[in-house]
Amino acid sequence: MNVSSSVLKMSFINLTKSCTRGLATSVARMATIKNVTIIGGGQMGAGIAQVAAQTGHRVVVVDQSDEILLKSVAGIQKSLARVVKKKFADDPSGGESFLKTTMAQISTATDAESAVKEADLVVEAIVENIKIKQNLFEKLDKAAPQNTIFASNTSSLAISEIAQTSQRKDRFGGLHFFNPVPVMKLVEVVRIDETSDDTFNSLVAFGQAVGKTTVSCKDTPGFIVNRLLVPYLMEAVRLMDRGDASARDIDVGMKLGAGHPMGPFELLDYVGLDVTKFIMDGWHKDFPDNPLFNPSPSIDKLVAEGKLGVKTGEGFYNYKK
């Protein structure tokens, strides 16, 4: 069958236009995240707010009281001052402009439902309690526009469980940042079975837009990093409990022998022993036959005594001296 060159030419043009429109639509979807609402003004929420604001996103930080929010904003400003000191050492006026412009991108609110009405992305960074998170997203689901993407920064809970109360599971995923957010370069992008490709691509694009390297993972306990890290930390405690080596020697061994920046006990104290206990208790409940997730009597004892690590001045090490 003979086809005229003009017909072929028109077909090619139409195909090109179609592909271009498809590409433009895809890019547009990935570029729609401009307005970000962060639920939770603690250390993680403030860190996410900072990196989003300093990369040109309009950010609303939400928490329960103005007092908490004032502390959160002050922490962001202090952190940005360190950035300015490092990156604008030879350009004071440029640093001042950067600080002013970034802070102008951040606003605060105590009403979460109002704060999400113009959000392209909502990132939850509140207490690691499944019921509280579910209740939050159930309320936000009714208040946010249909195109708004929901994401949790949880480090240990199942994204699929958090999303149970939401009617937009196709626009739900995980964005697991690491502490301290302005310094750590990684974001784990987590998708549940219902997460659409557009949503996943948008979350990846956002992670990259705020200057992070992204890795993707299914909704498995601990995702990538904590699934490997937490059992390693617990094995270090068991090594000490058996009397095989002291906490100090284990830390030195892993720093000098494995090149780790912190030893396991230093890291446990930094993260918080209560946080580690919460994670292990949850995993042990869900996977009781997995010995990697067995709780630690030593950590249970320290937590019961209120010795949670650096934040309380004592954990495996004493920081009060």
Protein backbone atom coordinates (compact mmCIF):
# COMPACT_ATOMS: atom_id res chain seq x y z
CA MET A 1 0.00 0.00 0.00
CA ASN A 2 1.38 3.36 -1.01
CA VAL A 3 1.13 6.27 1.41
CA SER A 4 1.80 9.80 0.24
CA SER A 5 4.65 11.73 1.82
CA SER A 6 2.21 14.47 2.90
CA VAL A 7 0.12 11.96 4.86
CA LEU A 8 3.22 10.56 6.50
CA LYS A 9 4.38 14.07 7.33
CA MET A 10 1.04 15.00 8.93
CA SER A 11 0.95 11.76 10.90
CA PHE A 12 4.45 12.40 12.20
CA ILE A 13 3.54 15.98 13.18
CA ASN A 14 0.41 14.83 15.00
CA LEU A 15 2.36 12.08 16.80
CA THR A 16 5.04 14.58 17.82
CA LYS A 17 2.44 17.01 19.13
CA SER A 18 0.76 14.22 21.07
CA CYS A 19 4.03 13.09 22.64
CA THR A 20 4.98 16.67 23.44
CA ARG A 21 1.62 17.27 25.10
CA GLY A 22 2.05 14.05 27.08
CA LEU A 23 5.55 15.02 28.16
CA ALA A 24 4.43 18.54 29.03
CA THR A 25 1.54 17.15 31.06
CA SER A 26 3.86 14.76 32.90
CA VAL A 27 6.37 17.51 33.64
CA ALA A 28 3.56 19.82 34.71
CA ARG A 29 2.31 17.24 37.17
CA MET A 30 5.78 16.86 38.62
CA ALA A 31 6.19 20.63 38.79
CA THR A 32 2.88 21.36 40.54
CA ILE A 33 4.32 21.08 44.05
CA LYS A 34 4.83 24.72 44.94
CA ASN A 35 2.70 25.05 48.08
CA VAL A 36 3.70 22.70 50.88
CA THR A 37 1.98 22.28 54.24
CA ILE A 38 4.03 20.65 56.99
CA ILE A 39 2.00 19.21 59.86
CA GLY A 40 4.27 19.23 62.90
CA GLY A 41 6.75 21.94 63.86
CA GLY A 42 9.20 19.73 65.72
CA GLN A 43 12.76 19.02 64.67
CA MET A 44 11.79 16.98 61.62
CA GLY A 45 8.94 19.21 60.50
CA ALA A 46 11.03 22.35 60.90
CA GLY A 47 13.86 20.77 58.94
CA ILE A 48 11.57 19.80 56.05
CA ALA A 49 10.08 23.29 56.10
CA GLN A 50 13.54 24.84 55.90
CA VAL A 51 14.77 22.86 52.90
CA ALA A 52 11.47 23.41 51.09
CA ALA A 53 11.50 27.16 51.75
CA GLN A 54 15.11 27.66 50.75
CA THR A 55 14.41 25.98 47.40
CA GLY A 56 11.57 28.35 46.56
CA HIS A 57 8.50 26.49 47.89
CA ARG A 58 5.81 28.33 49.81
CA VAL A 59 5.54 26.60 53.17
CA VAL A 60 2.96 26.58 55.95
CA VAL A 61 4.07 24.97 59.23
CA VAL A 62 1.20 23.73 61.40
CA ASP A 63 1.28 22.85 65.08
CA GLN A 64 -0.99 22.96 68.12
CA SER A 65 0.05 26.32 69.58
CA ASP A 66 1.66 29.62 68.64
CA GLU A 67 4.29 28.99 71.30
CA ILE A 68 5.44 25.81 69.57
CA LEU A 69 5.41 27.54 66.20
CA LEU A 70 7.48 30.49 67.46
CA LYS A 71 10.08 28.02 68.73
CA SER A 72 9.98 26.16 65.40
CA VAL A 73 10.49 29.31 63.32
CA ALA A 74 13.30 30.45 65.61
CA GLY A 75 14.99 27.08 65.09
CA ILE A 76 14.67 27.41 61.32
CA GLN A 77 16.16 30.91 61.40
CA LYS A 78 19.06 29.71 63.55
CA SER A 79 19.72 26.82 61.18
CA LEU A 80 19.58 29.12 58.15
CA ALA A 81 22.08 31.44 59.84
CA ARG A 82 24.55 28.56 59.86
CA VAL A 83 23.90 28.01 56.15
CA VAL A 84 24.53 31.70 55.47
CA LYS A 85 27.75 31.66 57.49
CA LYS A 86 29.05 28.72 55.49
CA LYS A 87 27.84 29.51 51.97
CA PHE A 88 27.94 33.31 51.99
CA ALA A 89 31.14 33.92 53.94
CA ASP A 90 32.41 36.27 51.20
CA ASP A 91 29.02 37.75 50.33
CA PRO A 92 27.29 39.17 53.45
CA SER A 93 24.64 41.05 51.46
CA GLY A 94 23.84 37.91 49.44
CA GLY A 95 23.54 35.93 52.65
CA GLU A 96 21.22 38.50 54.18
CA SER A 97 19.05 38.42 51.05
CA PHE A 98 18.97 34.60 51.07
CA LEU A 99 17.92 34.51 54.73
CA LYS A 100 15.23 37.16 54.25
CA THR A 101 13.84 35.55 51.08
CA THR A 102 13.75 32.08 52.63
CA MET A 103 12.02 33.19 55.83
CA ALA A 104 9.46 35.10 53.76
CA GLN A 105 8.44 31.76 52.20
CA ILE A 106 7.38 30.38 55.60
CA SER A 107 4.11 31.04 57.41
CA THR A 108 2.51 29.27 60.37
CA ALA A 109 -0.95 28.12 61.41
CA THR A 110 -2.67 26.27 64.25
CA ASP A 111 -5.66 25.18 62.14
CA ALA A 112 -4.54 22.26 59.98
CA GLU A 113 -7.73 22.05 57.97
CA SER A 114 -7.49 25.67 56.85
CA ALA A 115 -3.76 25.36 56.20
CA VAL A 116 -4.19 22.63 53.55
CA LYS A 117 -6.81 24.38 51.41
CA GLU A 118 -4.20 25.59 48.90
CA ALA A 119 -1.60 22.86 49.42
CA ASP A 120 -0.12 20.87 46.57
CA LEU A 121 1.59 18.60 49.08
CA VAL A 122 0.92 17.85 52.75
CA VAL A 123 3.77 16.27 54.71
CA GLU A 124 2.88 14.86 58.13
CA ALA A 125 5.68 14.87 60.72
CA ILE A 126 3.90 14.37 64.03
CA VAL A 127 4.10 11.82 66.86
CA GLU A 128 4.57 8.16 65.85
CA ASN A 129 1.08 7.09 66.82
CA ILE A 130 -0.99 5.32 64.18
CA LYS A 131 -4.40 6.43 65.52
CA ILE A 132 -3.38 10.09 65.77
CA LYS A 133 -2.02 10.02 62.23
CA GLN A 134 -5.13 8.30 60.88
CA ASN A 135 -7.42 10.82 62.59
CA LEU A 136 -5.36 13.67 61.17
CA PHE A 137 -5.54 12.44 57.57
CA GLU A 138 -9.25 11.68 57.88
CA LYS A 139 -9.84 15.37 58.71
CA LEU A 140 -7.41 16.67 56.11
CA ASP A 141 -8.94 14.47 53.43
CA LYS A 142 -12.16 16.48 53.66
CA ALA A 143 -10.42 19.86 53.70
CA ALA A 144 -7.69 19.55 51.05
CA PRO A 145 -8.31 19.88 47.29
CA GLN A 146 -8.61 16.59 45.42
CA ASN A 147 -5.28 17.10 43.66
CA THR A 148 -3.36 17.52 46.93
CA ILE A 149 -0.83 14.78 47.62
CA PHE A 150 -0.55 13.40 51.16
CA ALA A 151 2.74 12.05 52.51
CA SER A 152 3.95 10.84 55.89
CA ASN A 153 7.48 11.24 57.24
CA THR A 154 7.06 8.20 59.50
CA SER A 155 10.19 6.14 60.03
CA SER A 156 8.59 2.96 61.36
CA LEU A 157 4.83 2.80 60.75
CA ALA A 158 3.23 1.33 57.63
CA ILE A 159 2.17 3.98 55.12
CA SER A 160 -0.74 1.77 54.05
CA GLU A 161 -2.03 1.74 57.65
CA ILE A 162 -1.72 5.52 57.98
CA ALA A 163 -3.60 5.94 54.68
CA GLN A 164 -6.54 3.74 55.74
CA THR A 165 -8.75 6.69 56.69
CA SER A 166 -8.02 8.60 53.49
CA GLN A 167 -10.16 8.51 50.36
CA ARG A 168 -7.17 9.40 48.14
CA LYS A 169 -4.90 6.39 48.47
CA ASP A 170 -3.77 6.92 44.87
CA ARG A 171 -2.35 10.28 46.02
CA PHE A 172 -0.73 8.96 49.20
CA GLY A 173 2.87 7.98 49.84
CA GLY A 174 5.83 8.29 52.17
CA LEU A 175 8.58 10.91 52.24
CA HIS A 176 11.06 9.76 54.85
CA PHE A 177 13.60 12.49 55.52
CA PHE A 178 16.55 11.96 57.86
CA ASN A 179 17.65 13.96 60.89
CA PRO A 180 19.00 16.62 60.72
CA VAL A 181 17.06 17.32 57.52
CA PRO A 182 19.14 20.30 56.26
CA VAL A 183 22.32 18.19 56.48
CA MET A 184 21.27 14.66 55.54
CA LYS A 185 21.15 14.17 51.77
CA LEU A 186 18.70 11.27 51.50
CA VAL A 187 14.93 10.96 51.15
CA GLU A 188 13.19 7.59 50.94
CA VAL A 189 10.13 7.80 48.67
CA VAL A 190 7.68 5.08 49.69
CA ARG A 191 4.74 3.89 47.63
CA ILE A 192 1.82 1.75 48.67
CA ASP A 193 -0.02 -0.54 46.26
CA GLU A 194 -2.54 2.19 45.44
CA THR A 195 -0.02 5.01 44.88
CA SER A 196 -0.34 6.20 41.28
CA ASP A 197 2.66 6.68 39.03
CA ASP A 198 1.90 10.41 38.80
CA THR A 199 1.91 10.71 42.60
CA PHE A 200 5.11 8.71 42.95
CA ASN A 201 6.85 10.75 40.25
CA SER A 202 5.69 13.98 41.90
CA LEU A 203 7.08 12.88 45.26
CA VAL A 204 10.41 11.94 43.67
CA ALA A 205 10.50 15.28 41.85
CA PHE A 206 9.80 17.15 45.10
CA GLY A 207 12.57 15.27 46.93
CA GLN A 208 15.01 16.19 44.20
CA ALA A 209 13.74 19.78 44.05
CA VAL A 210 14.65 20.30 47.72
CA GLY A 211 18.18 19.12 46.98
CA LYS A 212 18.00 15.53 48.17
CA THR A 213 18.99 12.24 46.61
CA THR A 214 15.93 10.00 46.43
CA VAL A 215 15.63 6.25 46.70
CA SER A 216 12.37 4.37 46.28
CA CYS A 217 11.00 1.55 48.37
CA LYS A 218 7.83 -0.45 48.85
CA ASP A 219 5.87 -0.13 52.08
CA THR A 220 7.99 -2.57 54.08
CA PRO A 221 8.81 -2.18 57.81
CA GLY A 222 11.59 0.39 58.26
CA PHE A 223 11.79 0.94 54.50
CA ILE A 224 15.47 0.62 53.44
CA VAL A 225 17.67 2.39 55.96
CA ASN A 226 15.95 1.60 59.26
CA ARG A 227 15.18 -1.97 58.22
CA LEU A 228 18.95 -2.54 58.07
CA LEU A 229 20.06 -0.04 60.70
CA VAL A 230 17.81 -0.88 63.67
CA PRO A 231 18.62 -4.63 63.81
CA TYR A 232 22.33 -3.67 63.61
CA LEU A 233 21.91 -1.33 66.59
CA MET A 234 20.07 -4.01 68.55
CA GLU A 235 22.76 -6.59 67.82
CA ALA A 236 25.33 -4.16 69.23
CA VAL A 237 23.31 -4.00 72.47
CA ARG A 238 23.09 -7.79 72.61
CA LEU A 239 26.85 -8.00 72.09
CA MET A 240 27.31 -5.74 75.11
CA ASP A 241 24.68 -7.58 77.19
CA ARG A 242 26.49 -10.88 76.67
CA GLY A 243 29.64 -9.29 78.02
CA ASP A 244 31.51 -9.82 74.74
CA ALA A 245 32.63 -6.17 74.56
CA SER A 246 31.93 -2.81 76.18
CA ALA A 247 29.75 -0.12 74.58
CA ARG A 248 32.80 2.10 74.20
CA ASP A 249 34.88 -0.59 72.48
CA ILE A 250 32.01 -1.52 70.16
CA ASP A 251 31.64 2.14 69.18
CA VAL A 252 35.36 2.55 68.55
CA GLY A 253 35.44 -0.69 66.59
CA MET A 254 32.64 0.34 64.24
CA LYS A 255 34.02 3.85 63.74
CA LEU A 256 37.59 2.84 63.03
CA GLY A 257 36.96 -0.61 61.59
CA ALA A 258 33.86 0.03 59.49
CA GLY A 259 34.27 3.75 58.86
CA HIS A 260 31.00 4.72 60.55
CA PRO A 261 30.79 8.38 61.68
CA MET A 262 29.15 7.29 64.94
CA GLY A 263 29.24 4.05 66.87
CA PRO A 264 25.96 2.17 67.48
CA PHE A 265 25.61 3.30 71.10
CA GLU A 266 26.38 6.90 70.23
CA LEU A 267 23.76 6.69 67.51
CA LEU A 268 21.19 5.10 69.81
CA ASP A 269 21.67 7.91 72.32
CA TYR A 270 21.42 10.51 69.56
CA VAL A 271 18.23 9.05 68.07
CA GLY A 272 16.64 8.49 71.49
CA LEU A 273 16.25 5.18 73.26
CA ASP A 274 12.49 5.74 73.55
CA VAL A 275 12.29 6.05 69.76
CA THR A 276 14.24 2.82 69.27
CA LYS A 277 12.11 1.01 71.84
CA PHE A 278 8.93 2.19 70.11
CA ILE A 279 10.15 0.88 66.77
CA MET A 280 11.26 -2.48 68.15
CA ASP A 281 8.08 -2.99 70.16
CA GLY A 282 6.00 -2.36 67.05
CA TRP A 283 8.03 -4.64 64.84
CA HIS A 284 8.11 -7.38 67.48
CA LYS A 285 4.32 -7.21 67.74
CA ASP A 286 3.92 -7.51 63.97
CA PHE A 287 6.69 -10.09 63.48
CA PRO A 288 7.01 -12.04 66.78
CA ASP A 289 8.90 -14.93 65.18
CA ASN A 290 11.70 -12.75 63.78
CA PRO A 291 14.59 -12.72 66.31
CA LEU A 292 16.00 -9.56 64.70
CA PHE A 293 13.05 -7.68 66.18
CA ASN A 294 13.29 -9.00 69.74
CA PRO A 295 13.10 -6.19 72.35
CA SER A 296 16.14 -5.32 74.49
CA PRO A 297 15.91 -5.54 78.31
CA SER A 298 18.78 -3.02 78.57
CA ILE A 299 16.94 -0.42 76.49
CA ASP A 300 13.66 -1.15 78.30
CA LYS A 301 15.41 -0.51 81.65
CA LEU A 302 17.02 2.75 80.56
CA VAL A 303 13.74 4.05 79.12
CA ALA A 304 11.90 3.13 82.33
CA GLU A 305 14.50 5.16 84.26
CA GLY A 306 14.01 8.15 81.97
CA LYS A 307 17.49 7.82 80.50
CA LEU A 308 16.64 8.37 76.84
CA GLY A 309 20.01 9.51 75.51
CA VAL A 310 21.36 12.92 74.56
CA LYS A 311 18.01 14.71 75.00
CA THR A 312 17.80 13.76 78.69
CA GLY A 313 21.53 13.98 79.40
CA GLU A 314 22.01 10.27 79.90
CA GLY A 315 21.49 7.03 78.02
CA PHE A 316 24.20 4.47 77.38
CA TYR A 317 26.59 7.39 78.02
CA ASN A 318 26.38 10.23 80.54
CA TYR A 319 26.27 13.67 78.85
CA LYS A 320 25.85 15.71 82.02
CA LYS A 321 29.55 15.78 82.78
